[in-house]
Amino acid sequence: MESFKVLDHDADVRLEVYGASREELFENAARAMLSLIIDPGKVRPALEKRITVPGNGELLINFLNELLFVWDVERFIPAEVTVSFEREGLAALIKGEPFDEDRHSIEVELKAVTYHKFAITETAGRFKATIIIDV
């Protein structure tokens, strides 16, 4: 089953992400976005971080932007992301490692996940999100 695909978009990156549950949708969205930055096959799940993200309807955007913040500020690259929903947002366990310029190469610098044409839909128990990321 397909978890995501990268689609053409003028000057930005558009993702279409799928999941059998909300948790899987968010995890696949994180994996899709992070695969744009660095080859995920070169990232080891050596360290763990926990993040919490508040929100409701924009929770996926907030979550992805928090992952970009962790990357931009801490230079921490998640290899694995596990999401659980809480009353006022979500908690995520991210496993990864610090950026190592000898082993990792940056593919694309992402600026932010946008609200432009953002959508989450559910059809027959399958979730789909459309996400545009400013590059």
C-alpha atoms as a PDB file:
ATOM      1  CA  MET A   1       0.000   0.000   0.000  1.00  0.00           C
ATOM      2  CA  GLU A   2       1.285   3.424  -0.986  1.00  0.00           C
ATOM      3  CA  SER A   3       2.072   5.716   1.955  1.00  0.00           C
ATOM      4  CA  PHE A   4       2.823   8.965   0.083  1.00  0.00           C
ATOM      5  CA  LYS A   5       3.777  10.550  -3.216  1.00  0.00           C
ATOM      6  CA  VAL A   6       5.486  13.798  -4.175  1.00  0.00           C
ATOM      7  CA  LEU A   7       3.560  15.804  -6.764  1.00  0.00           C
ATOM      8  CA  ASP A   8       4.558  18.680  -9.039  1.00  0.00           C
ATOM      9  CA  HIS A   9       3.895  22.175  -7.739  1.00  0.00           C
ATOM     10  CA  ASP A  10       5.196  25.607  -8.792  1.00  0.00           C
ATOM     11  CA  ALA A  11       8.141  26.635  -6.571  1.00  0.00           C
ATOM     12  CA  ASP A  12       6.971  24.503  -3.636  1.00  0.00           C
ATOM     13  CA  VAL A  13       6.627  20.805  -2.878  1.00  0.00           C
ATOM     14  CA  ARG A  14       3.190  19.208  -2.778  1.00  0.00           C
ATOM     15  CA  LEU A  15       2.701  15.921  -0.949  1.00  0.00           C
ATOM     16  CA  GLU A  16      -0.235  13.576  -0.987  1.00  0.00           C
ATOM     17  CA  VAL A  17      -0.024  11.316   2.057  1.00  0.00           C
ATOM     18  CA  TYR A  18      -2.095   8.261   2.960  1.00  0.00           C
ATOM     19  CA  GLY A  19      -2.804   6.229   6.070  1.00  0.00           C
ATOM     20  CA  ALA A  20      -5.162   3.562   7.375  1.00  0.00           C
ATOM     21  CA  SER A  21      -5.455   5.555  10.637  1.00  0.00           C
ATOM     22  CA  ARG A  22      -4.799   9.115  11.764  1.00  0.00           C
ATOM     23  CA  GLU A  23      -1.619   7.937  13.492  1.00  0.00           C
ATOM     24  CA  GLU A  24      -0.367   6.276  10.312  1.00  0.00           C
ATOM     25  CA  LEU A  25      -1.287   9.361   8.264  1.00  0.00           C
ATOM     26  CA  PHE A  26       0.784  11.617  10.547  1.00  0.00           C
ATOM     27  CA  GLU A  27       3.706   9.158  10.643  1.00  0.00           C
ATOM     28  CA  ASN A  28       3.682   8.840   6.839  1.00  0.00           C
ATOM     29  CA  ALA A  29       3.512  12.636   6.486  1.00  0.00           C
ATOM     30  CA  ALA A  30       6.590  12.969   8.704  1.00  0.00           C
ATOM     31  CA  ARG A  31       8.409  10.276   6.719  1.00  0.00           C
ATOM     32  CA  ALA A  32       7.452  11.926   3.408  1.00  0.00           C
ATOM     33  CA  MET A  33       8.619  15.377   4.471  1.00  0.00           C
ATOM     34  CA  LEU A  34      11.852  14.156   6.044  1.00  0.00           C
ATOM     35  CA  SER A  35      12.694  12.086   2.937  1.00  0.00           C
ATOM     36  CA  LEU A  36      12.847  15.364   1.001  1.00  0.00           C
ATOM     37  CA  ILE A  37      15.562  16.724   3.291  1.00  0.00           C
ATOM     38  CA  ILE A  38      17.924  13.750   3.653  1.00  0.00           C
ATOM     39  CA  ASP A  39      18.119  10.192   2.342  1.00  0.00           C
ATOM     40  CA  PRO A  40      16.316   8.312   5.146  1.00  0.00           C
ATOM     41  CA  GLY A  41      18.356   5.174   4.482  1.00  0.00           C
ATOM     42  CA  LYS A  42      21.405   6.951   5.879  1.00  0.00           C
ATOM     43  CA  VAL A  43      19.836   7.947   9.198  1.00  0.00           C
ATOM     44  CA  ARG A  44      20.173   5.720  12.266  1.00  0.00           C
ATOM     45  CA  PRO A  45      17.654   5.660  15.132  1.00  0.00           C
ATOM     46  CA  ALA A  46      20.437   6.149  17.708  1.00  0.00           C
ATOM     47  CA  LEU A  47      18.789   8.741  20.000  1.00  0.00           C
ATOM     48  CA  GLU A  48      15.236   9.376  21.176  1.00  0.00           C
ATOM     49  CA  LYS A  49      13.376  12.641  21.579  1.00  0.00           C
ATOM     50  CA  ARG A  50       9.812  13.235  22.665  1.00  0.00           C
ATOM     51  CA  ILE A  51       7.840  16.167  21.371  1.00  0.00           C
ATOM     52  CA  THR A  52       4.322  17.345  22.105  1.00  0.00           C
ATOM     53  CA  VAL A  53       2.323  19.465  19.735  1.00  0.00           C
ATOM     54  CA  PRO A  54      -0.871  21.329  20.634  1.00  0.00           C
ATOM     55  CA  GLY A  55      -3.623  21.904  18.142  1.00  0.00           C
ATOM     56  CA  ASN A  56      -6.778  20.641  16.579  1.00  0.00           C
ATOM     57  CA  GLY A  57      -7.685  21.126  12.889  1.00  0.00           C
ATOM     58  CA  GLU A  58      -4.181  22.301  12.043  1.00  0.00           C
ATOM     59  CA  LEU A  59      -2.478  19.616  14.110  1.00  0.00           C
ATOM     60  CA  LEU A  60      -0.748  17.982  11.128  1.00  0.00           C
ATOM     61  CA  ILE A  61       0.699  21.319   9.992  1.00  0.00           C
ATOM     62  CA  ASN A  62       1.817  22.137  13.552  1.00  0.00           C
ATOM     63  CA  PHE A  63       3.397  18.684  13.889  1.00  0.00           C
ATOM     64  CA  LEU A  64       5.331  18.871  10.619  1.00  0.00           C
ATOM     65  CA  ASN A  65       6.508  22.401  11.393  1.00  0.00           C
ATOM     66  CA  GLU A  66       7.703  21.203  14.819  1.00  0.00           C
ATOM     67  CA  LEU A  67       9.739  18.477  13.089  1.00  0.00           C
ATOM     68  CA  LEU A  68      11.218  21.151  10.796  1.00  0.00           C
ATOM     69  CA  PHE A  69      12.058  23.217  13.891  1.00  0.00           C
ATOM     70  CA  VAL A  70      13.858  20.232  15.463  1.00  0.00           C
ATOM     71  CA  TRP A  71      15.800  19.829  12.210  1.00  0.00           C
ATOM     72  CA  ASP A  72      16.576  23.535  11.708  1.00  0.00           C
ATOM     73  CA  VAL A  73      17.536  24.377  15.287  1.00  0.00           C
ATOM     74  CA  GLU A  74      18.936  21.148  16.693  1.00  0.00           C
ATOM     75  CA  ARG A  75      20.068  19.570  13.394  1.00  0.00           C
ATOM     76  CA  PHE A  76      18.429  16.358  14.609  1.00  0.00           C
ATOM     77  CA  ILE A  77      17.257  14.014  11.843  1.00  0.00           C
ATOM     78  CA  PRO A  78      14.412  11.660  12.711  1.00  0.00           C
ATOM     79  CA  ALA A  79      14.664   8.153  11.269  1.00  0.00           C
ATOM     80  CA  GLU A  80      11.516   6.842  12.950  1.00  0.00           C
ATOM     81  CA  VAL A  81       8.426   8.695  14.150  1.00  0.00           C
ATOM     82  CA  THR A  82       5.651   7.241  16.305  1.00  0.00           C
ATOM     83  CA  VAL A  83       2.572   9.370  16.975  1.00  0.00           C
ATOM     84  CA  SER A  84      -0.111   9.093  19.640  1.00  0.00           C
ATOM     85  CA  PHE A  85      -3.014  11.490  20.029  1.00  0.00           C
ATOM     86  CA  GLU A  86      -3.770  13.175  23.314  1.00  0.00           C
ATOM     87  CA  ARG A  87      -6.641  15.296  24.519  1.00  0.00           C
ATOM     88  CA  GLU A  88      -5.141  18.598  23.362  1.00  0.00           C
ATOM     89  CA  GLY A  89      -2.802  17.547  20.572  1.00  0.00           C
ATOM     90  CA  LEU A  90      -0.294  14.816  20.013  1.00  0.00           C
ATOM     91  CA  ALA A  91       2.840  13.279  21.441  1.00  0.00           C
ATOM     92  CA  ALA A  92       5.520  11.878  19.198  1.00  0.00           C
ATOM     93  CA  LEU A  93       8.529   9.728  19.866  1.00  0.00           C
ATOM     94  CA  ILE A  94      11.210  10.486  17.307  1.00  0.00           C
ATOM     95  CA  LYS A  95      14.292   8.333  16.954  1.00  0.00           C
ATOM     96  CA  GLY A  96      17.206   9.574  14.932  1.00  0.00           C
ATOM     97  CA  GLU A  97      20.602  11.206  15.122  1.00  0.00           C
ATOM     98  CA  PRO A  98      22.366  14.538  14.778  1.00  0.00           C
ATOM     99  CA  PHE A  99      23.301  15.643  11.262  1.00  0.00           C
ATOM    100  CA  ASP A 100      26.754  14.381  10.278  1.00  0.00           C
ATOM    101  CA  GLU A 101      28.129  16.082   7.170  1.00  0.00           C
ATOM    102  CA  ASP A 102      30.427  13.095   6.545  1.00  0.00           C
ATOM    103  CA  ARG A 103      27.434  10.713   6.256  1.00  0.00           C
ATOM    104  CA  HIS A 104      24.457  12.884   5.346  1.00  0.00           C
ATOM    105  CA  SER A 105      23.830  15.264   2.486  1.00  0.00           C
ATOM    106  CA  ILE A 106      21.007  17.769   2.436  1.00  0.00           C
ATOM    107  CA  GLU A 107      18.779  17.268  -0.596  1.00  0.00           C
ATOM    108  CA  VAL A 108      16.336  20.181  -0.164  1.00  0.00           C
ATOM    109  CA  GLU A 109      16.060  22.972   2.405  1.00  0.00           C
ATOM    110  CA  LEU A 110      12.438  23.208   3.499  1.00  0.00           C
ATOM    111  CA  LYS A 111      11.155  26.471   4.975  1.00  0.00           C
ATOM    112  CA  ALA A 112       7.683  25.695   6.313  1.00  0.00           C
ATOM    113  CA  VAL A 113       4.555  23.642   5.895  1.00  0.00           C
ATOM    114  CA  THR A 114       1.826  25.954   4.621  1.00  0.00           C
ATOM    115  CA  TYR A 115      -1.944  26.208   4.988  1.00  0.00           C
ATOM    116  CA  HIS A 116      -2.308  26.676   1.221  1.00  0.00           C
ATOM    117  CA  LYS A 117      -4.671  23.999  -0.148  1.00  0.00           C
ATOM    118  CA  PHE A 118      -4.163  21.917   2.995  1.00  0.00           C
ATOM    119  CA  ALA A 119      -6.754  19.185   3.387  1.00  0.00           C
ATOM    120  CA  ILE A 120      -7.343  15.953   5.268  1.00  0.00           C
ATOM    121  CA  THR A 121     -10.089  13.643   4.067  1.00  0.00           C
ATOM    122  CA  GLU A 122     -11.332  10.242   5.131  1.00  0.00           C
ATOM    123  CA  THR A 123     -12.967   7.879   2.665  1.00  0.00           C
ATOM    124  CA  ALA A 124     -13.954   4.318   3.531  1.00  0.00           C
ATOM    125  CA  GLY A 125     -11.647   4.283   6.569  1.00  0.00           C
ATOM    126  CA  ARG A 126      -8.609   5.531   4.633  1.00  0.00           C
ATOM    127  CA  PHE A 127      -7.113   8.949   5.333  1.00  0.00           C
ATOM    128  CA  LYS A 128      -5.511  11.280   2.782  1.00  0.00           C
ATOM    129  CA  ALA A 129      -3.738  14.588   3.374  1.00  0.00           C
ATOM    130  CA  THR A 130      -2.646  17.170   0.822  1.00  0.00           C
ATOM    131  CA  ILE A 131       0.275  19.256   2.061  1.00  0.00           C
ATOM    132  CA  ILE A 132       2.283  22.037   0.429  1.00  0.00           C
ATOM    133  CA  ILE A 133       5.745  22.837   1.752  1.00  0.00           C
ATOM    134  CA  ASP A 134       7.534  26.099   1.046  1.00  0.00           C
ATOM    135  CA  VAL A 135      11.091  25.516  -0.223  1.00  0.00           C
END
